[in-house]
Amino acid sequence: MENVRLGKTEITVNKNGFGALPIQRIPKDEAVRLLHKAYDGGIRFYDTARLYTDSEEKLGAAFSDRREQIFISSKTGAATAEGFWKDLETTLQNLKTDHLDIYQFHNPAFCPKPRDESGLYDAALEAKKKGMILHIGITNHRLNVAREAIGSGLYETLQFPFCYLSGEPELKLLEGCRQKDMGFLSMKALSGGLITNAAAAYAFQAQYPETLPLWGIQREEELDQFLSFVTNPPSMNEELSAVIEKDRKELLGDFCRGCGYCMPCAVGIEINNCARMSLLLRRSPSAPYLTPEWQEKMKKIEDCKHCGACKKKCPYGLDTPELLRRNYEDYKEILAGKAF
């Protein structure tokens, strides 16, 4: 079993974190059963957020009777100290606990610091003194905010997208965390579903002892695969290296990561999926994306007002309207049988 130490938090768990965003999409009893199976299989770290609708409640239902045997991280997207306290109290109530192991600022556009206008960091410090949170972390998709958080010395963990599609900038973040003894939580370790070889994804993460990948799990077959890695972790070999090389050639560049920070759209376009539809169709079973429901969702792209709001909000600086246009044209060709 491979273990990860999350920096100065001293939290040490096996190299399988449970990303609990997807369980908001399944019924409560099914989610509880899945979480219990994860626990029985050895997974001890669970990551959720106030913004993940009922994800926290499902974790609370599953683990209120074994809270001291697991580690839970959650997040607040609050912009003020008042909002911070409201989120924290709701989160603790949902999780049926009196404390969080890690509480993270959820993708802020700036790096919260003591005595700034937001009051967020000061609120987190007070919550830590009260024992309501044990460690202060931050998540982000912006390199500049992540770099500032590392350099500030204020944070005990950083959660940032990191997978085998990452490059030198992300590796420098990892090195910065190593130097500061910060824990590193690998967000989007499967690149929002575009990486389909879990063994290759795990083997990549295994090369970096300080990373804790958070696998977004919704289905039992997905969980079974990651549970098998607890006792039989895959190591990098020629076959997995070839998979990674092929994926990097296909996916590196201007593609939508599906983070959703461009949302909501003024005209109701589901940007975080529509802007990467071509990749979804070619890297996973296509039938679910060719239904009348999805055809209607893609047709909404015709209503785009080109207001530029999504482009401004994209943390990767993508030309989102252009991505939508290209994906829609490709989608129509596939429906007409002219592609694939």
C-alpha atoms as a PDB file:
ATOM      1  CA  MET A   1       0.000   0.000   0.000  1.00  0.00           C
ATOM      2  CA  GLU A   2       1.339   3.440  -0.972  1.00  0.00           C
ATOM      3  CA  ASN A   3       0.839   6.213   1.571  1.00  0.00           C
ATOM      4  CA  VAL A   4       0.874   9.997   1.181  1.00  0.00           C
ATOM      5  CA  ARG A   5       1.781  12.536   3.866  1.00  0.00           C
ATOM      6  CA  LEU A   6      -0.011  15.846   3.282  1.00  0.00           C
ATOM      7  CA  GLY A   7       2.824  18.098   4.336  1.00  0.00           C
ATOM      8  CA  LYS A   8       2.747  19.835   7.684  1.00  0.00           C
ATOM      9  CA  THR A   9      -0.820  18.668   8.333  1.00  0.00           C
ATOM     10  CA  GLU A  10       0.761  15.267   9.099  1.00  0.00           C
ATOM     11  CA  ILE A  11      -2.345  13.651   7.602  1.00  0.00           C
ATOM     12  CA  THR A  12      -1.152  10.333   6.170  1.00  0.00           C
ATOM     13  CA  VAL A  13      -3.461   8.184   4.025  1.00  0.00           C
ATOM     14  CA  ASN A  14      -3.186   5.726   1.144  1.00  0.00           C
ATOM     15  CA  LYS A  15      -2.801   7.245  -2.318  1.00  0.00           C
ATOM     16  CA  ASN A  16      -6.513   7.156  -3.124  1.00  0.00           C
ATOM     17  CA  GLY A  17      -8.627  10.166  -2.236  1.00  0.00           C
ATOM     18  CA  PHE A  18     -12.373  10.056  -2.832  1.00  0.00           C
ATOM     19  CA  GLY A  19     -13.584  13.083  -4.794  1.00  0.00           C
ATOM     20  CA  ALA A  20     -17.207  13.428  -3.707  1.00  0.00           C
ATOM     21  CA  LEU A  21     -18.490  15.847  -6.350  1.00  0.00           C
ATOM     22  CA  PRO A  22     -20.037  13.082  -8.525  1.00  0.00           C
ATOM     23  CA  ILE A  23     -22.101  11.526  -5.708  1.00  0.00           C
ATOM     24  CA  GLN A  24     -24.440  14.517  -5.880  1.00  0.00           C
ATOM     25  CA  ARG A  25     -25.747  12.906  -9.082  1.00  0.00           C
ATOM     26  CA  ILE A  26     -26.895   9.614  -7.518  1.00  0.00           C
ATOM     27  CA  PRO A  27     -29.598   8.761  -4.934  1.00  0.00           C
ATOM     28  CA  LYS A  28     -28.697   9.024  -1.256  1.00  0.00           C
ATOM     29  CA  ASP A  29     -28.944   5.310  -0.458  1.00  0.00           C
ATOM     30  CA  GLU A  30     -26.751   4.474  -3.445  1.00  0.00           C
ATOM     31  CA  ALA A  31     -24.202   7.113  -2.426  1.00  0.00           C
ATOM     32  CA  VAL A  32     -24.066   5.827   1.160  1.00  0.00           C
ATOM     33  CA  ARG A  33     -23.524   2.271  -0.062  1.00  0.00           C
ATOM     34  CA  LEU A  34     -20.722   3.451  -2.367  1.00  0.00           C
ATOM     35  CA  LEU A  35     -19.053   5.431   0.430  1.00  0.00           C
ATOM     36  CA  HIS A  36     -19.249   2.480   2.826  1.00  0.00           C
ATOM     37  CA  LYS A  37     -17.634   0.260   0.207  1.00  0.00           C
ATOM     38  CA  ALA A  38     -14.873   2.829  -0.268  1.00  0.00           C
ATOM     39  CA  TYR A  39     -14.248   2.861   3.476  1.00  0.00           C
ATOM     40  CA  ASP A  40     -14.267  -0.936   3.712  1.00  0.00           C
ATOM     41  CA  GLY A  41     -11.759  -0.998   0.857  1.00  0.00           C
ATOM     42  CA  GLY A  42      -9.324   1.254   2.704  1.00  0.00           C
ATOM     43  CA  ILE A  43     -10.050   4.765   1.397  1.00  0.00           C
ATOM     44  CA  ARG A  44      -9.762   7.239   4.262  1.00  0.00           C
ATOM     45  CA  PHE A  45      -9.711  10.717   2.644  1.00  0.00           C
ATOM     46  CA  TYR A  46     -12.919  12.315   1.326  1.00  0.00           C
ATOM     47  CA  ASP A  47     -13.149  15.701  -0.405  1.00  0.00           C
ATOM     48  CA  THR A  48     -16.389  17.627  -0.838  1.00  0.00           C
ATOM     49  CA  ALA A  49     -17.606  21.247  -0.976  1.00  0.00           C
ATOM     50  CA  ARG A  50     -20.512  23.438   0.058  1.00  0.00           C
ATOM     51  CA  LEU A  51     -21.189  24.030  -3.646  1.00  0.00           C
ATOM     52  CA  TYR A  52     -21.608  20.296  -4.401  1.00  0.00           C
ATOM     53  CA  THR A  53     -25.358  20.406  -3.606  1.00  0.00           C
ATOM     54  CA  ASP A  54     -26.086  17.411  -1.300  1.00  0.00           C
ATOM     55  CA  SER A  55     -22.633  15.788  -1.389  1.00  0.00           C
ATOM     56  CA  GLU A  56     -21.874  16.850   2.197  1.00  0.00           C
ATOM     57  CA  GLU A  57     -25.179  15.456   3.456  1.00  0.00           C
ATOM     58  CA  LYS A  58     -24.462  12.092   1.855  1.00  0.00           C
ATOM     59  CA  LEU A  59     -21.018  11.962   3.465  1.00  0.00           C
ATOM     60  CA  GLY A  60     -22.607  12.811   6.808  1.00  0.00           C
ATOM     61  CA  ALA A  61     -25.152  10.034   6.418  1.00  0.00           C
ATOM     62  CA  ALA A  62     -22.407   7.534   5.590  1.00  0.00           C
ATOM     63  CA  PHE A  63     -19.765   8.431   8.150  1.00  0.00           C
ATOM     64  CA  SER A  64     -21.309   9.991  11.249  1.00  0.00           C
ATOM     65  CA  ASP A  65     -20.665   6.737  13.125  1.00  0.00           C
ATOM     66  CA  ARG A  66     -17.016   6.442  12.048  1.00  0.00           C
ATOM     67  CA  ARG A  67     -15.961  10.077  11.830  1.00  0.00           C
ATOM     68  CA  GLU A  68     -12.684   9.621  13.725  1.00  0.00           C
ATOM     69  CA  GLN A  69     -11.513   6.930  11.295  1.00  0.00           C
ATOM     70  CA  ILE A  70     -11.567   9.207   8.232  1.00  0.00           C
ATOM     71  CA  PHE A  71     -10.335  12.612   7.050  1.00  0.00           C
ATOM     72  CA  ILE A  72     -12.754  15.076   5.450  1.00  0.00           C
ATOM     73  CA  SER A  73     -11.953  18.215   3.500  1.00  0.00           C
ATOM     74  CA  SER A  74     -14.600  20.654   2.338  1.00  0.00           C
ATOM     75  CA  LYS A  75     -14.630  24.085   0.752  1.00  0.00           C
ATOM     76  CA  THR A  76     -16.299  27.467   0.952  1.00  0.00           C
ATOM     77  CA  GLY A  77     -16.877  29.743  -2.007  1.00  0.00           C
ATOM     78  CA  ALA A  78     -17.797  32.626   0.285  1.00  0.00           C
ATOM     79  CA  ALA A  79     -16.543  36.109  -0.552  1.00  0.00           C
ATOM     80  CA  THR A  80     -17.001  37.568   2.943  1.00  0.00           C
ATOM     81  CA  ALA A  81     -16.384  36.555   6.539  1.00  0.00           C
ATOM     82  CA  GLU A  82     -20.125  36.442   7.129  1.00  0.00           C
ATOM     83  CA  GLY A  83     -20.531  34.037   4.251  1.00  0.00           C
ATOM     84  CA  PHE A  84     -17.608  31.968   5.528  1.00  0.00           C
ATOM     85  CA  TRP A  85     -19.264  31.382   8.917  1.00  0.00           C
ATOM     86  CA  LYS A  86     -22.601  30.561   7.321  1.00  0.00           C
ATOM     87  CA  ASP A  87     -20.981  28.027   4.985  1.00  0.00           C
ATOM     88  CA  LEU A  88     -18.906  26.450   7.740  1.00  0.00           C
ATOM     89  CA  GLU A  89     -21.854  25.997  10.085  1.00  0.00           C
ATOM     90  CA  THR A  90     -23.949  24.474   7.278  1.00  0.00           C
ATOM     91  CA  THR A  91     -21.113  22.159   6.267  1.00  0.00           C
ATOM     92  CA  LEU A  92     -20.542  20.883   9.806  1.00  0.00           C
ATOM     93  CA  GLN A  93     -24.265  20.294  10.203  1.00  0.00           C
ATOM     94  CA  ASN A  94     -24.459  18.442   6.887  1.00  0.00           C
ATOM     95  CA  LEU A  95     -21.474  16.267   7.739  1.00  0.00           C
ATOM     96  CA  LYS A  96     -22.748  15.598  11.276  1.00  0.00           C
ATOM     97  CA  THR A  97     -19.394  16.525  12.767  1.00  0.00           C
ATOM     98  CA  ASP A  98     -17.903  19.222  14.965  1.00  0.00           C
ATOM     99  CA  HIS A  99     -14.776  19.769  12.884  1.00  0.00           C
ATOM    100  CA  LEU A 100     -13.222  19.514   9.421  1.00  0.00           C
ATOM    101  CA  ASP A 101      -9.740  18.154   8.921  1.00  0.00           C
ATOM    102  CA  ILE A 102      -9.103  20.628   6.080  1.00  0.00           C
ATOM    103  CA  TYR A 103     -11.235  23.623   5.118  1.00  0.00           C
ATOM    104  CA  GLN A 104     -10.372  25.199   1.780  1.00  0.00           C
ATOM    105  CA  PHE A 105     -11.136  28.468   0.030  1.00  0.00           C
ATOM    106  CA  HIS A 106     -12.861  27.295  -3.148  1.00  0.00           C
ATOM    107  CA  ASN A 107     -11.158  28.703  -6.267  1.00  0.00           C
ATOM    108  CA  PRO A 108     -10.999  32.354  -5.163  1.00  0.00           C
ATOM    109  CA  ALA A 109      -9.894  34.911  -7.751  1.00  0.00           C
ATOM    110  CA  PHE A 110      -7.374  36.206  -5.195  1.00  0.00           C
ATOM    111  CA  CYS A 111      -5.287  34.752  -2.386  1.00  0.00           C
ATOM    112  CA  PRO A 112      -7.010  35.457   0.971  1.00  0.00           C
ATOM    113  CA  LYS A 113      -4.611  36.858   3.552  1.00  0.00           C
ATOM    114  CA  PRO A 114      -4.833  38.201   7.105  1.00  0.00           C
ATOM    115  CA  ARG A 115      -6.485  41.618   7.451  1.00  0.00           C
ATOM    116  CA  ASP A 116      -7.471  41.905   3.785  1.00  0.00           C
ATOM    117  CA  GLU A 117     -10.837  43.405   2.794  1.00  0.00           C
ATOM    118  CA  SER A 118     -12.581  40.042   2.556  1.00  0.00           C
ATOM    119  CA  GLY A 119     -11.844  38.966   6.127  1.00  0.00           C
ATOM    120  CA  LEU A 120     -11.834  35.352   4.938  1.00  0.00           C
ATOM    121  CA  TYR A 121      -8.439  34.306   6.243  1.00  0.00           C
ATOM    122  CA  ASP A 122      -9.024  35.927   9.620  1.00  0.00           C
ATOM    123  CA  ALA A 123     -12.305  34.014   9.886  1.00  0.00           C
ATOM    124  CA  ALA A 124     -10.482  30.779   9.039  1.00  0.00           C
ATOM    125  CA  LEU A 125      -7.899  31.469  11.740  1.00  0.00           C
ATOM    126  CA  GLU A 126     -10.634  32.045  14.296  1.00  0.00           C
ATOM    127  CA  ALA A 127     -12.399  28.834  13.243  1.00  0.00           C
ATOM    128  CA  LYS A 128      -9.094  26.995  13.622  1.00  0.00           C
ATOM    129  CA  LYS A 129      -8.602  28.386  17.130  1.00  0.00           C
ATOM    130  CA  LYS A 130     -12.079  27.151  18.016  1.00  0.00           C
ATOM    131  CA  GLY A 131     -11.258  23.670  16.729  1.00  0.00           C
ATOM    132  CA  MET A 132     -13.918  23.847  14.010  1.00  0.00           C
ATOM    133  CA  ILE A 133     -11.250  23.321  11.351  1.00  0.00           C
ATOM    134  CA  LEU A 134      -7.846  21.741  11.855  1.00  0.00           C
ATOM    135  CA  HIS A 135      -6.014  22.924   8.741  1.00  0.00           C
ATOM    136  CA  ILE A 136      -6.455  25.783   6.249  1.00  0.00           C
ATOM    137  CA  GLY A 137      -6.198  25.039   2.536  1.00  0.00           C
ATOM    138  CA  ILE A 138      -6.933  26.624  -0.816  1.00  0.00           C
ATOM    139  CA  THR A 139      -8.071  25.294  -4.200  1.00  0.00           C
ATOM    140  CA  ASN A 140      -7.575  27.009  -7.522  1.00  0.00           C
ATOM    141  CA  HIS A 141      -7.363  26.767 -11.282  1.00  0.00           C
ATOM    142  CA  ARG A 142      -5.263  29.922 -11.647  1.00  0.00           C
ATOM    143  CA  LEU A 143      -1.484  29.552 -11.627  1.00  0.00           C
ATOM    144  CA  ASN A 144      -0.900  33.070 -10.291  1.00  0.00           C
ATOM    145  CA  VAL A 145      -3.184  32.551  -7.281  1.00  0.00           C
ATOM    146  CA  ALA A 146      -1.657  29.146  -6.573  1.00  0.00           C
ATOM    147  CA  ARG A 147       1.870  30.574  -6.728  1.00  0.00           C
ATOM    148  CA  GLU A 148       0.893  33.388  -4.362  1.00  0.00           C
ATOM    149  CA  ALA A 149      -0.697  30.941  -1.923  1.00  0.00           C
ATOM    150  CA  ILE A 150       2.472  28.836  -1.835  1.00  0.00           C
ATOM    151  CA  GLY A 151       4.726  31.852  -1.430  1.00  0.00           C
ATOM    152  CA  SER A 152       2.576  33.331   1.352  1.00  0.00           C
ATOM    153  CA  GLY A 153       3.312  30.499   3.764  1.00  0.00           C
ATOM    154  CA  LEU A 154      -0.277  30.833   5.005  1.00  0.00           C
ATOM    155  CA  TYR A 155      -1.678  27.570   3.694  1.00  0.00           C
ATOM    156  CA  GLU A 156      -1.183  23.964   4.700  1.00  0.00           C
ATOM    157  CA  THR A 157      -2.579  22.430   1.512  1.00  0.00           C
ATOM    158  CA  LEU A 158      -3.072  23.341  -2.132  1.00  0.00           C
ATOM    159  CA  GLN A 159      -5.624  21.627  -4.358  1.00  0.00           C
ATOM    160  CA  PHE A 160      -4.858  22.172  -8.039  1.00  0.00           C
ATOM    161  CA  PRO A 161      -5.474  20.321 -11.342  1.00  0.00           C
ATOM    162  CA  PHE A 162      -2.663  17.805 -11.811  1.00  0.00           C
ATOM    163  CA  CYS A 163      -2.586  14.813 -14.126  1.00  0.00           C
ATOM    164  CA  TYR A 164      -0.414  13.444 -16.896  1.00  0.00           C
ATOM    165  CA  LEU A 165      -1.618  16.238 -19.163  1.00  0.00           C
ATOM    166  CA  SER A 166       0.031  18.760 -16.840  1.00  0.00           C
ATOM    167  CA  GLY A 167       3.243  20.545 -17.750  1.00  0.00           C
ATOM    168  CA  GLU A 168       6.156  22.462 -16.304  1.00  0.00           C
ATOM    169  CA  PRO A 169       4.045  25.157 -14.554  1.00  0.00           C
ATOM    170  CA  GLU A 170       2.177  22.541 -12.509  1.00  0.00           C
ATOM    171  CA  LEU A 171       5.410  20.689 -11.696  1.00  0.00           C
ATOM    172  CA  LYS A 172       6.835  23.963 -10.362  1.00  0.00           C
ATOM    173  CA  LEU A 173       3.782  24.322  -8.122  1.00  0.00           C
ATOM    174  CA  LEU A 174       4.415  20.822  -6.819  1.00  0.00           C
ATOM    175  CA  GLU A 175       8.039  21.673  -6.124  1.00  0.00           C
ATOM    176  CA  GLY A 176       6.966  24.848  -4.318  1.00  0.00           C
ATOM    177  CA  CYS A 177       4.636  22.846  -2.101  1.00  0.00           C
ATOM    178  CA  ARG A 178       7.415  20.382  -1.395  1.00  0.00           C
ATOM    179  CA  GLN A 179       9.734  23.202  -0.285  1.00  0.00           C
ATOM    180  CA  LYS A 180       7.027  24.739   1.929  1.00  0.00           C
ATOM    181  CA  ASP A 181       5.937  21.339   3.289  1.00  0.00           C
ATOM    182  CA  MET A 182       2.427  21.915   1.949  1.00  0.00           C
ATOM    183  CA  GLY A 183       0.127  19.028   1.153  1.00  0.00           C
ATOM    184  CA  PHE A 184      -0.796  18.716  -2.524  1.00  0.00           C
ATOM    185  CA  LEU A 185      -4.257  17.456  -3.525  1.00  0.00           C
ATOM    186  CA  SER A 186      -4.452  16.498  -7.202  1.00  0.00           C
ATOM    187  CA  MET A 187      -7.703  17.853  -8.556  1.00  0.00           C
ATOM    188  CA  LYS A 188      -9.007  16.487 -11.873  1.00  0.00           C
ATOM    189  CA  ALA A 189      -6.564  13.592 -11.791  1.00  0.00           C
ATOM    190  CA  LEU A 190      -8.617  12.143 -14.679  1.00  0.00           C
ATOM    191  CA  SER A 191      -8.935  15.534 -16.414  1.00  0.00           C
ATOM    192  CA  GLY A 192     -12.688  15.676 -15.992  1.00  0.00           C
ATOM    193  CA  GLY A 193     -13.232  12.281 -17.620  1.00  0.00           C
ATOM    194  CA  LEU A 194     -10.979  12.792 -20.658  1.00  0.00           C
ATOM    195  CA  ILE A 195      -8.385  10.405 -19.214  1.00  0.00           C
ATOM    196  CA  THR A 196      -9.932   6.954 -19.455  1.00  0.00           C
ATOM    197  CA  ASN A 197      -7.011   4.747 -18.366  1.00  0.00           C
ATOM    198  CA  ALA A 198      -7.120   4.769 -14.563  1.00  0.00           C
ATOM    199  CA  ALA A 199      -3.986   2.633 -14.234  1.00  0.00           C
ATOM    200  CA  ALA A 200      -1.975   5.132 -16.295  1.00  0.00           C
ATOM    201  CA  ALA A 201      -3.400   8.009 -14.250  1.00  0.00           C
ATOM    202  CA  TYR A 202      -2.450   6.287 -10.990  1.00  0.00           C
ATOM    203  CA  ALA A 203       1.023   5.297 -12.201  1.00  0.00           C
ATOM    204  CA  PHE A 204       1.678   8.924 -13.136  1.00  0.00           C
ATOM    205  CA  GLN A 205       0.656  10.148  -9.674  1.00  0.00           C
ATOM    206  CA  ALA A 206       2.775   7.421  -8.057  1.00  0.00           C
ATOM    207  CA  GLN A 207       5.872   9.135  -9.461  1.00  0.00           C
ATOM    208  CA  TYR A 208       5.184  12.043  -7.093  1.00  0.00           C
ATOM    209  CA  PRO A 209       5.085  10.755  -3.492  1.00  0.00           C
ATOM    210  CA  GLU A 210       3.586  13.969  -2.115  1.00  0.00           C
ATOM    211  CA  THR A 211       0.456  14.063  -4.303  1.00  0.00           C
ATOM    212  CA  LEU A 212      -2.906  12.764  -3.159  1.00  0.00           C
ATOM    213  CA  PRO A 213      -5.123  12.219  -6.224  1.00  0.00           C
ATOM    214  CA  LEU A 214      -8.824  12.824  -5.670  1.00  0.00           C
ATOM    215  CA  TRP A 215     -10.668  10.406  -7.926  1.00  0.00           C
ATOM    216  CA  GLY A 216     -14.165  11.596  -8.825  1.00  0.00           C
ATOM    217  CA  ILE A 217     -16.239   8.483  -8.192  1.00  0.00           C
ATOM    218  CA  GLN A 218     -19.881   7.961  -9.091  1.00  0.00           C
ATOM    219  CA  ARG A 219     -20.187   4.307 -10.151  1.00  0.00           C
ATOM    220  CA  GLU A 220     -19.303   1.090  -8.362  1.00  0.00           C
ATOM    221  CA  GLU A 221     -17.163  -0.172 -11.240  1.00  0.00           C
ATOM    222  CA  GLU A 222     -15.063   3.003 -11.004  1.00  0.00           C
ATOM    223  CA  LEU A 223     -14.635   2.496  -7.281  1.00  0.00           C
ATOM    224  CA  ASP A 224     -13.670  -1.160  -7.721  1.00  0.00           C
ATOM    225  CA  GLN A 225     -10.839  -0.182 -10.016  1.00  0.00           C
ATOM    226  CA  PHE A 226      -9.371   2.321  -7.566  1.00  0.00           C
ATOM    227  CA  LEU A 227      -9.824  -0.056  -4.646  1.00  0.00           C
ATOM    228  CA  SER A 228      -7.738  -2.610  -6.515  1.00  0.00           C
ATOM    229  CA  PHE A 229      -4.918  -0.053  -6.519  1.00  0.00           C
ATOM    230  CA  VAL A 230      -4.851  -0.006  -2.703  1.00  0.00           C
ATOM    231  CA  THR A 231      -3.326  -3.481  -2.580  1.00  0.00           C
ATOM    232  CA  ASN A 232      -1.949  -3.692  -6.121  1.00  0.00           C
ATOM    233  CA  PRO A 233      -0.861  -0.205  -7.221  1.00  0.00           C
ATOM    234  CA  PRO A 234       0.150   0.020 -10.909  1.00  0.00           C
ATOM    235  CA  SER A 235       3.675   1.195 -11.658  1.00  0.00           C
ATOM    236  CA  MET A 236       4.864   3.022 -14.738  1.00  0.00           C
ATOM    237  CA  ASN A 237       5.879   0.659 -17.511  1.00  0.00           C
ATOM    238  CA  GLU A 238       6.247   0.769 -21.292  1.00  0.00           C
ATOM    239  CA  GLU A 239       2.584   0.032 -21.905  1.00  0.00           C
ATOM    240  CA  LEU A 240       1.303   2.787 -19.600  1.00  0.00           C
ATOM    241  CA  SER A 241       3.949   5.214 -20.853  1.00  0.00           C
ATOM    242  CA  ALA A 242       2.681   4.629 -24.382  1.00  0.00           C
ATOM    243  CA  VAL A 243      -0.899   5.357 -23.279  1.00  0.00           C
ATOM    244  CA  ILE A 244       0.216   8.610 -21.681  1.00  0.00           C
ATOM    245  CA  GLU A 245       2.237   9.671 -24.702  1.00  0.00           C
ATOM    246  CA  LYS A 246      -0.687   9.018 -27.034  1.00  0.00           C
ATOM    247  CA  ASP A 247      -3.084  10.983 -24.819  1.00  0.00           C
ATOM    248  CA  ARG A 248      -0.692  13.882 -24.482  1.00  0.00           C
ATOM    249  CA  LYS A 249      -0.366  14.154 -28.261  1.00  0.00           C
ATOM    250  CA  GLU A 250      -4.152  14.133 -28.636  1.00  0.00           C
ATOM    251  CA  LEU A 251      -5.186  16.325 -25.717  1.00  0.00           C
ATOM    252  CA  LEU A 252      -2.495  18.885 -25.009  1.00  0.00           C
ATOM    253  CA  GLY A 253      -3.480  22.369 -26.080  1.00  0.00           C
ATOM    254  CA  ASP A 254      -6.639  24.450 -26.043  1.00  0.00           C
ATOM    255  CA  PHE A 255      -9.262  22.069 -24.737  1.00  0.00           C
ATOM    256  CA  CYS A 256     -11.996  22.637 -22.176  1.00  0.00           C
ATOM    257  CA  ARG A 257     -11.215  20.997 -18.820  1.00  0.00           C
ATOM    258  CA  GLY A 258     -14.863  21.030 -17.760  1.00  0.00           C
ATOM    259  CA  CYS A 259     -14.208  22.951 -14.534  1.00  0.00           C
ATOM    260  CA  GLY A 260     -17.453  24.926 -14.915  1.00  0.00           C
ATOM    261  CA  TYR A 261     -16.144  28.281 -13.709  1.00  0.00           C
ATOM    262  CA  CYS A 262     -17.464  29.867 -16.925  1.00  0.00           C
ATOM    263  CA  MET A 263     -20.991  29.064 -15.769  1.00  0.00           C
ATOM    264  CA  PRO A 264     -23.773  30.043 -15.656  1.00  0.00           C
ATOM    265  CA  CYS A 265     -24.382  31.056 -19.241  1.00  0.00           C
ATOM    266  CA  ALA A 266     -26.799  33.932 -19.858  1.00  0.00           C
ATOM    267  CA  VAL A 267     -28.689  31.896 -22.462  1.00  0.00           C
ATOM    268  CA  GLY A 268     -28.457  28.537 -20.717  1.00  0.00           C
ATOM    269  CA  ILE A 269     -25.675  26.814 -22.676  1.00  0.00           C
ATOM    270  CA  GLU A 270     -24.081  23.976 -20.673  1.00  0.00           C
ATOM    271  CA  ILE A 271     -20.637  25.292 -21.580  1.00  0.00           C
ATOM    272  CA  ASN A 272     -18.524  22.962 -19.451  1.00  0.00           C
ATOM    273  CA  ASN A 273     -19.704  19.950 -21.476  1.00  0.00           C
ATOM    274  CA  CYS A 274     -20.690  21.467 -24.806  1.00  0.00           C
ATOM    275  CA  ALA A 275     -17.264  23.082 -25.272  1.00  0.00           C
ATOM    276  CA  ARG A 276     -15.533  19.694 -25.072  1.00  0.00           C
ATOM    277  CA  MET A 277     -18.165  17.518 -26.730  1.00  0.00           C
ATOM    278  CA  SER A 278     -15.857  16.382 -29.538  1.00  0.00           C
ATOM    279  CA  LEU A 279     -13.419  14.899 -27.036  1.00  0.00           C
ATOM    280  CA  LEU A 280     -16.164  13.326 -24.953  1.00  0.00           C
ATOM    281  CA  LEU A 281     -17.592  11.617 -28.028  1.00  0.00           C
ATOM    282  CA  ARG A 282     -14.235  10.227 -29.095  1.00  0.00           C
ATOM    283  CA  ARG A 283     -12.929   9.173 -25.687  1.00  0.00           C
ATOM    284  CA  SER A 284     -15.987   7.559 -24.119  1.00  0.00           C
ATOM    285  CA  PRO A 285     -19.135   5.740 -25.308  1.00  0.00           C
ATOM    286  CA  SER A 286     -20.828   8.177 -27.687  1.00  0.00           C
ATOM    287  CA  ALA A 287     -24.453   7.023 -27.420  1.00  0.00           C
ATOM    288  CA  PRO A 288     -25.258   8.930 -24.179  1.00  0.00           C
ATOM    289  CA  TYR A 289     -24.235  12.200 -25.888  1.00  0.00           C
ATOM    290  CA  LEU A 290     -26.286  11.682 -29.046  1.00  0.00           C
ATOM    291  CA  THR A 291     -29.718  11.530 -27.421  1.00  0.00           C
ATOM    292  CA  PRO A 292     -32.484  14.061 -28.205  1.00  0.00           C
ATOM    293  CA  GLU A 293     -31.785  15.674 -24.829  1.00  0.00           C
ATOM    294  CA  TRP A 294     -28.134  16.278 -25.704  1.00  0.00           C
ATOM    295  CA  GLN A 295     -28.989  17.382 -29.218  1.00  0.00           C
ATOM    296  CA  GLU A 296     -31.182  20.071 -27.686  1.00  0.00           C
ATOM    297  CA  LYS A 297     -28.393  21.108 -25.313  1.00  0.00           C
ATOM    298  CA  MET A 298     -25.931  21.441 -28.186  1.00  0.00           C
ATOM    299  CA  LYS A 299     -28.477  23.356 -30.272  1.00  0.00           C
ATOM    300  CA  LYS A 300     -28.518  26.010 -27.507  1.00  0.00           C
ATOM    301  CA  ILE A 301     -25.102  27.073 -28.819  1.00  0.00           C
ATOM    302  CA  GLU A 302     -26.995  28.763 -31.658  1.00  0.00           C
ATOM    303  CA  ASP A 303     -28.365  31.189 -29.035  1.00  0.00           C
ATOM    304  CA  CYS A 304     -24.880  32.362 -28.001  1.00  0.00           C
ATOM    305  CA  LYS A 305     -24.806  36.167 -27.788  1.00  0.00           C
ATOM    306  CA  HIS A 306     -20.998  36.309 -27.912  1.00  0.00           C
ATOM    307  CA  CYS A 307     -21.051  38.471 -24.800  1.00  0.00           C
ATOM    308  CA  GLY A 308     -17.596  37.207 -23.824  1.00  0.00           C
ATOM    309  CA  ALA A 309     -18.522  36.534 -20.189  1.00  0.00           C
ATOM    310  CA  CYS A 310     -17.487  32.879 -20.343  1.00  0.00           C
ATOM    311  CA  LYS A 311     -14.187  33.771 -21.994  1.00  0.00           C
ATOM    312  CA  LYS A 312     -13.386  36.286 -19.260  1.00  0.00           C
ATOM    313  CA  LYS A 313     -14.136  33.763 -16.502  1.00  0.00           C
ATOM    314  CA  CYS A 314     -12.144  30.861 -17.971  1.00  0.00           C
ATOM    315  CA  PRO A 315      -9.144  30.221 -15.667  1.00  0.00           C
ATOM    316  CA  TYR A 316      -7.252  28.711 -18.622  1.00  0.00           C
ATOM    317  CA  GLY A 317      -7.712  31.734 -20.886  1.00  0.00           C
ATOM    318  CA  LEU A 318      -9.574  29.755 -23.555  1.00  0.00           C
ATOM    319  CA  ASP A 319     -11.594  31.312 -26.357  1.00  0.00           C
ATOM    320  CA  THR A 320     -14.747  29.595 -25.117  1.00  0.00           C
ATOM    321  CA  PRO A 321     -17.175  30.933 -27.776  1.00  0.00           C
ATOM    322  CA  GLU A 322     -14.865  29.637 -30.496  1.00  0.00           C
ATOM    323  CA  LEU A 323     -14.594  26.249 -28.753  1.00  0.00           C
ATOM    324  CA  LEU A 324     -18.386  26.075 -28.605  1.00  0.00           C
ATOM    325  CA  ARG A 325     -18.655  26.900 -32.303  1.00  0.00           C
ATOM    326  CA  ARG A 326     -16.113  24.244 -33.343  1.00  0.00           C
ATOM    327  CA  ASN A 327     -17.622  21.575 -31.126  1.00  0.00           C
ATOM    328  CA  TYR A 328     -21.113  22.304 -32.421  1.00  0.00           C
ATOM    329  CA  GLU A 329     -20.004  22.046 -36.047  1.00  0.00           C
ATOM    330  CA  ASP A 330     -18.293  18.733 -35.297  1.00  0.00           C
ATOM    331  CA  TYR A 331     -21.356  17.498 -33.407  1.00  0.00           C
ATOM    332  CA  LYS A 332     -23.652  18.219 -36.349  1.00  0.00           C
ATOM    333  CA  GLU A 333     -21.313  16.335 -38.679  1.00  0.00           C
ATOM    334  CA  ILE A 334     -21.313  13.332 -36.364  1.00  0.00           C
ATOM    335  CA  LEU A 335     -25.114  13.345 -36.224  1.00  0.00           C
ATOM    336  CA  ALA A 336     -25.207  13.490 -40.021  1.00  0.00           C
ATOM    337  CA  GLY A 337     -22.827  10.539 -40.194  1.00  0.00           C
ATOM    338  CA  LYS A 338     -20.041  12.574 -41.774  1.00  0.00           C
ATOM    339  CA  ALA A 339     -17.564  12.139 -38.912  1.00  0.00           C
ATOM    340  CA  PHE A 340     -16.286   9.297 -36.754  1.00  0.00           C
END
